[in-house]
N, C-alpha and C. Protein backbone atom coordinates (compact mmCIF):
# COMPACT_ATOMS: atom_id res chain seq x y z
N MET A 1 29.93 -1.84 -60.98
CA MET A 1 30.30 -0.83 -59.59
C MET A 1 28.85 -1.63 -58.75
N THR A 2 29.12 -1.75 -57.61
CA THR A 2 28.26 -2.33 -56.80
C THR A 2 27.79 -0.98 -55.73
N ASN A 3 26.19 -1.11 -55.62
CA ASN A 3 25.85 0.20 -54.80
C ASN A 3 26.30 -0.18 -53.24
N LYS A 4 26.96 0.33 -52.68
CA LYS A 4 27.12 -0.04 -51.13
C LYS A 4 26.04 0.44 -50.23
N HIS A 5 25.06 1.29 -50.80
CA HIS A 5 23.86 1.59 -49.86
C HIS A 5 22.83 1.21 -50.44
N THR A 6 22.19 0.12 -49.77
CA THR A 6 20.97 -0.56 -50.30
C THR A 6 19.92 0.03 -49.51
N PHE A 7 18.84 0.68 -50.01
CA PHE A 7 17.61 1.43 -49.47
C PHE A 7 16.60 0.52 -49.52
N THR A 8 15.86 -0.01 -48.33
CA THR A 8 14.75 -0.62 -48.29
C THR A 8 13.80 0.38 -47.69
N ARG A 9 12.47 0.02 -47.95
CA ARG A 9 11.47 0.76 -47.31
C ARG A 9 11.60 0.75 -45.69
N ARG A 10 12.10 -0.39 -45.25
CA ARG A 10 12.29 -0.50 -43.66
C ARG A 10 13.41 0.40 -43.45
N SER A 11 14.63 0.40 -43.98
CA SER A 11 15.49 1.31 -43.53
C SER A 11 15.18 2.93 -43.71
N VAL A 12 14.44 3.00 -44.82
CA VAL A 12 14.02 4.43 -44.91
C VAL A 12 13.00 5.05 -43.72
N LEU A 13 12.07 3.91 -43.36
CA LEU A 13 11.03 4.32 -42.70
C LEU A 13 11.65 4.71 -41.13
N ILE A 14 12.77 3.47 -40.84
CA ILE A 14 13.33 3.73 -39.55
C ILE A 14 14.52 4.92 -39.41
N THR A 15 14.88 5.35 -40.49
CA THR A 15 15.74 6.76 -40.44
C THR A 15 14.64 7.66 -40.55
N GLY A 16 13.79 7.83 -41.16
CA GLY A 16 12.99 9.04 -41.02
C GLY A 16 12.09 9.13 -39.57
N ALA A 17 11.93 7.96 -38.87
CA ALA A 17 11.52 8.15 -37.43
C ALA A 17 12.74 8.60 -36.59
N ALA A 18 13.74 8.15 -36.68
CA ALA A 18 14.80 8.81 -35.89
C ALA A 18 15.05 10.19 -36.20
N ILE A 19 14.96 10.59 -37.33
CA ILE A 19 14.89 12.16 -37.56
C ILE A 19 13.69 12.71 -36.99
N ALA A 20 12.80 12.32 -37.05
CA ALA A 20 11.58 12.89 -36.67
C ALA A 20 11.72 13.00 -34.83
N LEU A 21 11.96 11.86 -34.15
CA LEU A 21 12.30 12.02 -32.63
C LEU A 21 13.30 12.90 -32.14
N THR A 22 14.46 13.24 -33.16
CA THR A 22 15.34 14.27 -32.77
C THR A 22 15.26 15.53 -33.31
N ALA A 23 14.31 15.80 -34.09
CA ALA A 23 14.04 17.04 -34.68
C ALA A 23 13.33 17.88 -33.73
N THR A 24 13.07 19.16 -34.03
CA THR A 24 12.07 19.88 -33.17
C THR A 24 10.66 19.63 -33.49
N PRO A 25 9.91 19.33 -32.36
CA PRO A 25 8.46 18.85 -32.42
C PRO A 25 7.65 19.89 -33.38
N ALA A 26 6.82 19.51 -34.28
CA ALA A 26 6.20 20.10 -35.31
C ALA A 26 5.18 20.85 -34.73
N PHE A 27 4.57 20.46 -33.57
CA PHE A 27 3.62 20.95 -32.81
C PHE A 27 4.11 21.36 -31.52
N ALA A 28 3.81 22.85 -31.64
CA ALA A 28 4.41 23.45 -30.13
C ALA A 28 2.98 24.03 -29.58
N LEU A 29 2.68 24.04 -28.55
CA LEU A 29 1.65 24.47 -27.82
C LEU A 29 1.75 25.93 -27.38
N PRO A 30 0.49 26.76 -28.00
CA PRO A 30 0.44 28.07 -28.03
C PRO A 30 0.50 28.35 -26.29
N ARG A 31 1.16 29.38 -25.94
CA ARG A 31 1.24 29.72 -24.51
C ARG A 31 0.24 30.18 -23.97
N ILE A 32 -0.78 30.68 -24.53
CA ILE A 32 -2.27 31.05 -24.12
C ILE A 32 -3.20 29.99 -24.94
N ALA A 33 -4.03 29.36 -24.04
CA ALA A 33 -5.07 28.80 -24.75
C ALA A 33 -6.25 29.62 -25.31
N THR A 34 -6.42 29.28 -26.48
CA THR A 34 -7.45 30.08 -27.54
C THR A 34 -8.08 29.01 -28.29
N GLY A 35 -9.28 29.49 -28.62
CA GLY A 35 -10.12 28.63 -29.63
C GLY A 35 -9.28 28.03 -30.96
N ARG A 36 -9.94 27.19 -31.71
CA ARG A 36 -9.29 26.70 -32.90
C ARG A 36 -9.61 27.42 -33.70
N PHE A 37 -10.70 28.11 -33.96
CA PHE A 37 -10.93 29.19 -34.91
C PHE A 37 -10.86 30.64 -34.51
N SER A 38 -10.39 30.70 -33.45
CA SER A 38 -10.44 32.38 -32.93
C SER A 38 -9.00 32.40 -32.03
N ASN A 39 -8.88 33.60 -31.95
CA ASN A 39 -7.30 33.86 -31.19
C ASN A 39 -7.86 34.50 -29.92
N LEU A 40 -9.01 34.36 -29.26
CA LEU A 40 -9.40 34.86 -27.83
C LEU A 40 -8.91 33.98 -26.81
N ALA A 41 -8.18 34.73 -25.85
CA ALA A 41 -7.85 34.06 -24.73
C ALA A 41 -9.20 34.06 -23.79
N ILE A 42 -9.20 32.90 -23.10
CA ILE A 42 -10.27 32.55 -22.02
C ILE A 42 -11.75 32.63 -22.81
N LYS A 43 -11.70 32.32 -24.04
CA LYS A 43 -13.13 32.33 -24.73
C LYS A 43 -13.70 33.74 -24.57
N GLY A 44 -12.98 35.02 -24.62
CA GLY A 44 -13.28 36.17 -24.61
C GLY A 44 -13.91 36.74 -23.08
N TYR A 45 -13.62 35.97 -22.28
CA TYR A 45 -13.96 36.49 -20.79
C TYR A 45 -13.01 37.35 -20.30
N ASP A 46 -13.42 38.32 -19.34
CA ASP A 46 -12.74 39.23 -18.91
C ASP A 46 -11.58 38.89 -17.62
N THR A 47 -10.58 38.43 -17.81
CA THR A 47 -9.89 37.78 -16.85
C THR A 47 -9.56 38.53 -15.47
N THR A 48 -9.72 40.34 -15.51
CA THR A 48 -9.79 40.87 -14.40
C THR A 48 -11.21 40.70 -13.56
N SER A 49 -12.25 40.31 -14.25
CA SER A 49 -13.50 40.20 -13.37
C SER A 49 -13.67 39.13 -12.28
N TYR A 50 -12.48 38.15 -12.49
CA TYR A 50 -12.72 37.12 -11.14
C TYR A 50 -11.95 37.81 -10.00
N PHE A 51 -10.94 38.73 -10.25
CA PHE A 51 -10.42 39.54 -8.96
C PHE A 51 -11.37 40.83 -8.67
N GLN A 52 -11.69 41.40 -9.60
CA GLN A 52 -12.39 42.62 -9.41
C GLN A 52 -13.88 42.57 -9.11
N HIS A 53 -14.53 41.40 -9.63
CA HIS A 53 -16.06 41.45 -9.11
C HIS A 53 -16.45 39.88 -8.59
N GLY A 54 -15.25 38.96 -8.49
CA GLY A 54 -15.79 37.73 -8.12
C GLY A 54 -16.68 36.82 -9.01
N GLU A 55 -16.65 36.97 -10.24
CA GLU A 55 -17.40 36.39 -11.07
C GLU A 55 -16.83 36.39 -12.51
N ALA A 56 -17.15 35.33 -13.55
CA ALA A 56 -16.92 35.43 -14.66
C ALA A 56 -17.77 36.30 -15.46
N ARG A 57 -17.18 37.26 -16.14
CA ARG A 57 -17.94 38.13 -17.03
C ARG A 57 -17.26 38.20 -18.59
N LYS A 58 -18.12 38.07 -19.54
CA LYS A 58 -17.77 38.48 -20.91
C LYS A 58 -17.31 39.61 -21.28
N GLY A 59 -16.19 39.56 -22.07
CA GLY A 59 -15.55 41.03 -22.49
C GLY A 59 -16.48 41.18 -23.75
N ALA A 60 -15.86 42.71 -24.07
CA ALA A 60 -16.63 43.24 -25.22
C ALA A 60 -15.65 43.50 -26.42
N SER A 61 -16.04 43.00 -27.53
CA SER A 61 -14.94 43.03 -28.67
C SER A 61 -14.40 44.77 -28.99
N SER A 62 -15.04 45.59 -28.27
CA SER A 62 -14.65 46.97 -28.41
C SER A 62 -13.46 47.26 -27.28
N THR A 63 -13.28 46.39 -26.47
CA THR A 63 -12.33 46.51 -25.35
C THR A 63 -11.11 45.27 -25.70
N GLU A 64 -10.44 45.40 -26.49
CA GLU A 64 -9.62 43.99 -26.63
C GLU A 64 -7.93 44.62 -26.50
N ILE A 65 -7.30 43.58 -26.23
CA ILE A 65 -5.90 44.00 -25.93
C ILE A 65 -5.00 42.57 -26.22
N ASN A 66 -4.03 42.98 -27.20
CA ASN A 66 -3.26 41.63 -27.38
C ASN A 66 -2.09 41.51 -26.49
N TYR A 67 -1.86 40.32 -25.86
CA TYR A 67 -1.08 40.03 -25.02
C TYR A 67 -0.38 38.39 -25.27
N GLN A 68 0.58 38.35 -25.39
CA GLN A 68 1.41 37.04 -25.52
C GLN A 68 0.83 36.22 -26.65
N GLY A 69 0.56 37.11 -27.65
CA GLY A 69 -0.01 36.55 -28.88
C GLY A 69 -1.38 35.86 -29.04
N ALA A 70 -2.37 36.55 -27.90
CA ALA A 70 -3.76 36.19 -28.06
C ALA A 70 -4.32 37.58 -27.90
N THR A 71 -5.97 37.40 -28.05
CA THR A 71 -6.53 38.64 -27.94
C THR A 71 -7.28 38.52 -26.74
N TRP A 72 -7.26 39.32 -25.72
CA TRP A 72 -7.94 39.42 -24.68
C TRP A 72 -9.14 40.40 -24.63
N ARG A 73 -10.24 40.02 -24.07
CA ARG A 73 -11.56 41.08 -24.08
C ARG A 73 -11.69 41.38 -22.73
N PHE A 74 -12.23 42.61 -22.59
CA PHE A 74 -12.53 43.13 -21.21
C PHE A 74 -14.07 43.82 -21.14
N ALA A 75 -14.79 43.70 -20.11
CA ALA A 75 -16.04 44.02 -20.07
C ALA A 75 -16.12 45.79 -19.96
N SER A 76 -14.93 46.29 -19.51
CA SER A 76 -14.85 47.71 -19.74
C SER A 76 -13.71 48.16 -19.99
N GLU A 77 -13.52 49.48 -20.17
CA GLU A 77 -12.16 49.93 -20.26
C GLU A 77 -11.42 50.06 -19.18
N ASP A 78 -11.99 50.45 -18.08
CA ASP A 78 -11.24 50.24 -16.77
C ASP A 78 -10.64 48.97 -16.58
N ASP A 79 -11.34 47.84 -16.98
CA ASP A 79 -10.74 46.51 -16.66
C ASP A 79 -9.72 46.41 -17.60
N ALA A 80 -9.82 46.75 -18.69
CA ALA A 80 -8.68 46.57 -19.86
C ALA A 80 -7.46 47.45 -19.18
N ASN A 81 -7.64 48.68 -18.84
CA ASN A 81 -6.50 49.57 -18.11
C ASN A 81 -5.65 48.80 -16.73
N ILE A 82 -6.63 48.05 -16.36
CA ILE A 82 -6.25 47.17 -15.10
C ILE A 82 -5.16 46.20 -15.72
N PHE A 83 -5.65 45.43 -16.77
CA PHE A 83 -4.80 44.49 -16.99
C PHE A 83 -3.60 44.95 -17.83
N LYS A 84 -3.72 45.93 -18.40
CA LYS A 84 -2.48 46.67 -18.89
C LYS A 84 -1.60 47.10 -18.17
N ALA A 85 -1.83 47.55 -17.04
CA ALA A 85 -0.84 47.78 -15.89
C ALA A 85 -0.08 46.41 -15.43
N ASP A 86 -0.72 45.45 -15.29
CA ASP A 86 -0.02 44.29 -14.75
C ASP A 86 -0.68 43.15 -15.22
N PRO A 87 -0.57 42.79 -16.51
CA PRO A 87 -1.02 41.35 -17.12
C PRO A 87 -0.81 40.02 -16.47
N ALA A 88 0.46 40.09 -15.97
CA ALA A 88 0.89 38.83 -15.25
C ALA A 88 0.17 38.44 -14.20
N ALA A 89 -0.36 39.64 -13.44
CA ALA A 89 -1.06 39.79 -12.04
C ALA A 89 -2.83 38.91 -12.42
N TYR A 90 -3.09 39.32 -13.51
CA TYR A 90 -4.54 38.76 -13.88
C TYR A 90 -4.76 37.92 -14.90
N ALA A 91 -3.72 37.53 -15.80
CA ALA A 91 -3.71 36.28 -16.37
C ALA A 91 -3.83 35.00 -15.72
N PRO A 92 -4.64 34.12 -16.44
CA PRO A 92 -5.00 32.74 -15.51
C PRO A 92 -3.47 32.13 -15.60
N GLN A 93 -3.32 31.19 -14.68
CA GLN A 93 -1.87 30.47 -14.93
C GLN A 93 -1.84 29.44 -15.61
N PHE A 94 -0.88 28.86 -16.11
CA PHE A 94 -0.88 28.03 -17.15
C PHE A 94 -1.62 28.26 -18.63
N GLY A 95 -1.46 29.65 -18.64
CA GLY A 95 -2.23 30.22 -20.15
C GLY A 95 -3.54 29.92 -20.38
N GLY A 96 -4.21 29.59 -19.00
CA GLY A 96 -5.43 29.18 -19.36
C GLY A 96 -5.93 27.78 -19.64
N TYR A 97 -4.95 26.99 -19.41
CA TYR A 97 -5.34 25.44 -19.88
C TYR A 97 -5.76 25.01 -18.44
N CYS A 98 -6.50 24.16 -18.49
CA CYS A 98 -6.96 23.33 -17.32
C CYS A 98 -6.07 22.87 -16.61
N THR A 99 -5.88 23.24 -15.07
CA THR A 99 -5.11 22.87 -14.29
C THR A 99 -4.95 21.39 -13.90
N ARG A 100 -6.31 20.74 -13.63
CA ARG A 100 -6.38 19.31 -13.40
C ARG A 100 -5.79 18.74 -14.49
N ALA A 101 -6.06 19.05 -15.68
CA ALA A 101 -5.65 18.30 -16.97
C ALA A 101 -4.29 18.38 -16.94
N LEU A 102 -3.52 19.40 -16.79
CA LEU A 102 -1.99 19.40 -16.76
C LEU A 102 -1.60 18.49 -15.66
N SER A 103 -2.29 18.35 -14.52
CA SER A 103 -1.64 17.56 -13.59
C SER A 103 -1.84 16.11 -13.85
N LEU A 104 -2.77 15.86 -14.87
CA LEU A 104 -2.55 14.46 -15.27
C LEU A 104 -2.08 14.17 -16.82
N GLU A 105 -1.20 15.29 -16.89
CA GLU A 105 -0.46 15.29 -18.22
C GLU A 105 -1.01 15.38 -19.48
N LYS A 106 -2.24 16.20 -19.51
CA LYS A 106 -3.18 16.58 -20.77
C LYS A 106 -3.06 18.12 -20.91
N THR A 107 -3.34 18.58 -21.88
CA THR A 107 -3.41 20.14 -22.29
C THR A 107 -4.84 19.92 -22.87
N VAL A 108 -5.63 20.62 -22.20
CA VAL A 108 -7.07 21.25 -22.60
C VAL A 108 -7.30 22.56 -22.34
N PRO A 109 -7.66 23.58 -23.11
CA PRO A 109 -7.98 24.69 -22.66
C PRO A 109 -9.12 24.68 -21.51
N GLY A 110 -9.06 25.51 -20.55
CA GLY A 110 -9.97 25.64 -19.24
C GLY A 110 -11.46 26.19 -19.85
N ASN A 111 -12.24 26.15 -18.87
CA ASN A 111 -13.61 26.66 -19.20
C ASN A 111 -13.65 27.88 -18.36
N PRO A 112 -13.96 29.07 -18.85
CA PRO A 112 -13.82 30.15 -17.89
C PRO A 112 -14.77 30.25 -17.00
N GLN A 113 -15.66 29.39 -17.16
CA GLN A 113 -16.87 29.54 -16.13
C GLN A 113 -16.50 28.60 -14.86
N VAL A 114 -15.48 27.87 -14.85
CA VAL A 114 -15.02 26.98 -13.86
C VAL A 114 -13.50 27.30 -13.45
N TRP A 115 -13.52 28.00 -12.39
CA TRP A 115 -12.34 28.67 -11.94
C TRP A 115 -12.06 28.87 -10.46
N ARG A 116 -10.74 29.07 -10.01
CA ARG A 116 -10.55 28.85 -8.57
C ARG A 116 -9.47 30.36 -8.50
N ILE A 117 -9.42 31.25 -7.47
CA ILE A 117 -8.44 32.17 -7.30
C ILE A 117 -7.60 31.47 -5.97
N TYR A 118 -6.40 31.09 -5.89
CA TYR A 118 -5.77 30.41 -4.93
C TYR A 118 -4.15 31.19 -4.95
N GLU A 119 -4.05 31.66 -3.80
CA GLU A 119 -2.95 32.54 -3.49
C GLU A 119 -2.56 33.58 -4.47
N ASP A 120 -3.84 34.42 -4.84
CA ASP A 120 -3.71 35.62 -5.84
C ASP A 120 -3.41 35.23 -6.92
N ASN A 121 -3.52 34.08 -7.58
CA ASN A 121 -3.53 33.37 -8.90
C ASN A 121 -4.70 32.59 -9.59
N LEU A 122 -5.15 32.91 -10.75
CA LEU A 122 -6.41 32.53 -11.33
C LEU A 122 -6.14 31.09 -11.97
N TYR A 123 -6.87 30.23 -11.64
CA TYR A 123 -6.59 28.88 -12.34
C TYR A 123 -7.92 28.55 -12.98
N LEU A 124 -8.13 27.97 -14.20
CA LEU A 124 -9.10 27.52 -14.73
C LEU A 124 -9.04 25.85 -15.02
N PHE A 125 -10.50 25.53 -15.08
CA PHE A 125 -10.62 23.95 -15.10
C PHE A 125 -11.63 23.73 -16.27
N VAL A 126 -11.73 22.74 -16.88
CA VAL A 126 -12.26 22.34 -17.84
C VAL A 126 -13.99 21.76 -17.38
N ARG A 127 -13.89 21.14 -16.27
CA ARG A 127 -15.26 20.90 -15.66
C ARG A 127 -15.22 21.17 -14.22
N PRO A 128 -16.30 21.18 -13.66
CA PRO A 128 -16.51 21.31 -12.11
C PRO A 128 -15.62 20.39 -11.37
N VAL A 129 -15.59 19.00 -11.71
CA VAL A 129 -14.91 18.26 -10.79
C VAL A 129 -13.26 18.51 -10.92
N GLY A 130 -12.70 19.40 -11.80
CA GLY A 130 -11.60 19.69 -11.65
C GLY A 130 -11.24 20.80 -10.55
N GLY A 131 -12.06 21.57 -10.52
CA GLY A 131 -12.10 22.62 -9.36
C GLY A 131 -12.35 22.13 -7.78
N THR A 132 -13.24 20.82 -7.87
CA THR A 132 -13.33 20.25 -6.64
C THR A 132 -12.25 19.38 -6.17
N LYS A 133 -11.64 18.74 -7.06
CA LYS A 133 -10.40 17.86 -7.06
C LYS A 133 -9.17 19.17 -6.35
N PHE A 134 -9.08 20.31 -7.16
CA PHE A 134 -8.30 21.12 -6.88
C PHE A 134 -8.43 21.63 -5.22
N ASP A 135 -9.81 21.81 -4.84
CA ASP A 135 -9.90 22.13 -3.46
C ASP A 135 -9.34 21.10 -2.53
N GLU A 136 -9.43 19.90 -2.89
CA GLU A 136 -9.10 18.87 -1.79
C GLU A 136 -7.36 19.26 -1.53
N ASP A 137 -6.66 19.40 -2.61
CA ASP A 137 -5.34 19.74 -2.27
C ASP A 137 -4.67 20.51 -3.35
N PRO A 138 -4.74 21.93 -3.24
CA PRO A 138 -4.20 22.82 -4.32
C PRO A 138 -2.75 22.47 -4.52
N ALA A 139 -2.03 22.39 -3.58
CA ALA A 139 -0.45 22.33 -3.65
C ALA A 139 -0.09 21.02 -4.43
N ALA A 140 -0.73 19.97 -3.96
CA ALA A 140 -0.52 18.78 -4.94
C ALA A 140 -0.71 18.55 -6.31
N MET A 141 -1.85 19.38 -6.43
CA MET A 141 -2.53 19.59 -8.11
C MET A 141 -1.33 20.46 -8.58
N LEU A 142 -1.25 21.61 -8.04
CA LEU A 142 -0.23 22.53 -8.58
C LEU A 142 1.11 21.85 -9.00
N ALA A 143 1.48 21.24 -8.08
CA ALA A 143 2.87 20.72 -8.17
C ALA A 143 3.15 19.72 -9.47
N LEU A 144 2.03 18.91 -9.70
CA LEU A 144 1.78 18.24 -10.67
C LEU A 144 1.77 19.06 -11.86
N ALA A 145 0.82 19.98 -12.11
CA ALA A 145 0.48 20.54 -13.20
C ALA A 145 1.76 21.38 -13.63
N SER A 146 2.50 22.15 -12.61
CA SER A 146 3.62 22.94 -12.77
C SER A 146 4.98 22.02 -13.58
N ALA A 147 5.01 20.53 -12.83
CA ALA A 147 6.04 19.90 -13.39
C ALA A 147 5.86 19.51 -15.02
N TYR A 148 4.57 19.23 -15.22
CA TYR A 148 4.27 18.85 -16.57
C TYR A 148 4.24 20.15 -17.42
N TRP A 149 3.67 21.23 -17.07
CA TRP A 149 3.90 22.66 -17.84
C TRP A 149 5.25 22.76 -18.38
N ASN A 150 6.12 22.41 -17.27
CA ASN A 150 7.71 22.98 -17.40
C ASN A 150 8.14 21.96 -18.74
N THR A 151 7.60 20.86 -18.95
CA THR A 151 7.99 19.97 -20.13
C THR A 151 7.51 20.45 -21.30
N LEU A 152 6.50 21.29 -21.45
CA LEU A 152 5.85 21.52 -22.71
C LEU A 152 6.77 22.54 -23.67
N GLU A 153 6.83 22.67 -24.92
CA GLU A 153 7.40 23.30 -25.77
C GLU A 153 6.13 24.53 -26.08
N LEU A 154 6.31 25.68 -25.58
CA LEU A 154 5.42 26.65 -25.75
C LEU A 154 5.90 27.57 -26.83
N THR A 155 5.02 28.46 -27.43
CA THR A 155 5.07 29.36 -28.46
C THR A 155 4.28 30.57 -27.94
N ASN A 156 4.49 31.51 -28.53
CA ASN A 156 4.07 32.84 -28.23
C ASN A 156 2.91 33.04 -29.39
């Protein structure tokens, strides 16, 4: 009896590659940027402080809230309560990933010390040049960043 199916190393590799391309990606990007070894959103900075105080302030471990699978820290209980009342209004756009990197089709967590508020939304950038480029044409950068963001598979 003759074997009708001959398996070569090449046919197995091609079949495996085809399955990998059609399967659900093994890596899905977390909806909120956190550190490699921590679950802290925006490196533990208080996301309300940008709006309430006009500056980046570190949060305290004594005032933490879990939201969208990440731990958010706040400088005070009042700031935590402000966030609890409307987290979407205070959380950085794009989950805290760098807006400029997204516009270049890359995903890099933003630096909480490099930020902009534009049309009542908080945007983070990995380096100061990102903020400078954003200032030149926010609408264009946001259009590119949003287009790429919408293609990503996100998890909570």
